[in-house]
Amino acid sequence: MSSPVQLIPNNSLITNSPEEGRQLAVKMARLIIKATQPDASVREKLRTIYAEDAAMLIAIGQVVATEFATIAAANNYWK
């Protein structure tokens, strides 16, 4: 049995800059996909489907934006 996916890398949302925050948001979005579909071969198979579907790509962007908003708030908007 594999270990569970760590959904918040290093157990922290704190980053040094907005750019690092954005990169963390992308990573977290990818991790939730991995946690939702743990079978790598299934994820690989599905990638070709969503890669050509504009609505699915927009939905992925929305997930990243939500993750980034959470990270920005945790970092007091880097003030």
Protein backbone atom coordinates (compact mmCIF):
# COMPACT_ATOMS: atom_id res chain seq x y z
CA MET A 1 0.00 0.00 0.00
CA SER A 2 1.38 3.41 -0.95
CA SER A 3 1.58 6.27 1.48
CA PRO A 4 -1.01 9.04 1.20
CA VAL A 5 -0.20 12.04 -0.96
CA GLN A 6 0.99 15.05 1.05
CA LEU A 7 -1.39 17.71 -0.26
CA ILE A 8 0.47 20.68 1.26
CA PRO A 9 4.19 20.32 0.48
CA ASN A 10 6.33 20.83 3.60
CA ASN A 11 3.04 21.33 5.50
CA SER A 12 3.19 25.10 4.89
CA LEU A 13 1.53 27.66 2.65
CA ILE A 14 4.15 30.30 3.47
CA THR A 15 6.28 31.36 0.49
CA ASN A 16 8.88 34.07 -0.06
CA SER A 17 7.16 35.71 -3.02
CA PRO A 18 4.00 35.70 -5.13
CA GLU A 19 5.89 33.74 -7.82
CA GLU A 20 6.73 30.99 -5.32
CA GLY A 21 3.11 31.11 -4.19
CA ARG A 22 1.88 30.61 -7.73
CA GLN A 23 4.26 27.68 -8.22
CA LEU A 24 2.98 26.16 -4.98
CA ALA A 25 -0.61 26.61 -6.18
CA VAL A 26 0.15 24.71 -9.39
CA LYS A 27 1.86 21.95 -7.42
CA MET A 28 -1.07 21.67 -5.02
CA ALA A 29 -3.54 21.49 -7.90
CA ARG A 30 -1.51 18.64 -9.40
CA LEU A 31 -1.38 16.86 -6.05
CA ILE A 32 -5.16 16.92 -5.63
CA ILE A 33 -5.48 15.26 -9.04
CA LYS A 34 -3.00 12.60 -7.91
CA ALA A 35 -4.92 12.06 -4.66
CA THR A 36 -8.24 11.88 -6.50
CA GLN A 37 -6.91 9.45 -9.14
CA PRO A 38 -3.96 7.57 -7.62
CA ASP A 39 -3.49 5.29 -10.65
CA ALA A 40 -0.74 6.89 -12.76
CA SER A 41 -1.71 4.94 -15.88
CA VAL A 42 -5.28 6.21 -15.68
CA ARG A 43 -4.07 9.81 -15.19
CA GLU A 44 -1.80 9.44 -18.21
CA LYS A 45 -4.66 8.06 -20.29
CA LEU A 46 -6.99 10.91 -19.27
CA ARG A 47 -4.39 13.62 -19.95
CA THR A 48 -4.93 13.39 -23.72
CA ILE A 49 -8.67 13.89 -23.19
CA TYR A 50 -8.51 17.02 -21.05
CA ALA A 51 -5.54 18.49 -22.95
CA GLU A 52 -7.84 19.12 -25.91
CA ASP A 53 -10.93 20.24 -23.99
CA ALA A 54 -11.05 24.00 -23.43
CA ALA A 55 -13.65 23.73 -20.65
CA MET A 56 -11.51 21.25 -18.72
CA LEU A 57 -8.42 23.44 -19.13
CA ILE A 58 -10.35 26.45 -17.84
CA ALA A 59 -11.51 24.37 -14.86
CA ILE A 60 -7.90 23.48 -14.08
CA GLY A 61 -7.02 27.18 -14.19
CA GLN A 62 -9.83 27.88 -11.71
CA VAL A 63 -8.47 25.27 -9.31
CA VAL A 64 -5.01 26.85 -9.45
CA ALA A 65 -6.54 30.31 -8.92
CA THR A 66 -8.40 29.09 -5.83
CA GLU A 67 -5.26 27.48 -4.43
CA PHE A 68 -3.31 30.70 -5.13
CA ALA A 69 -5.93 32.83 -3.37
CA THR A 70 -5.60 30.64 -0.27
CA ILE A 71 -1.80 30.85 -0.38
CA ALA A 72 -1.87 34.63 -0.89
CA ALA A 73 -4.13 35.06 2.14
CA ALA A 74 -1.85 32.83 4.24
CA ASN A 75 1.06 35.08 3.24
CA ASN A 76 -0.84 38.30 4.07
CA TYR A 77 -0.65 39.07 0.35
CA TRP A 78 3.15 39.45 0.67
CA LYS A 79 2.85 42.84 2.39
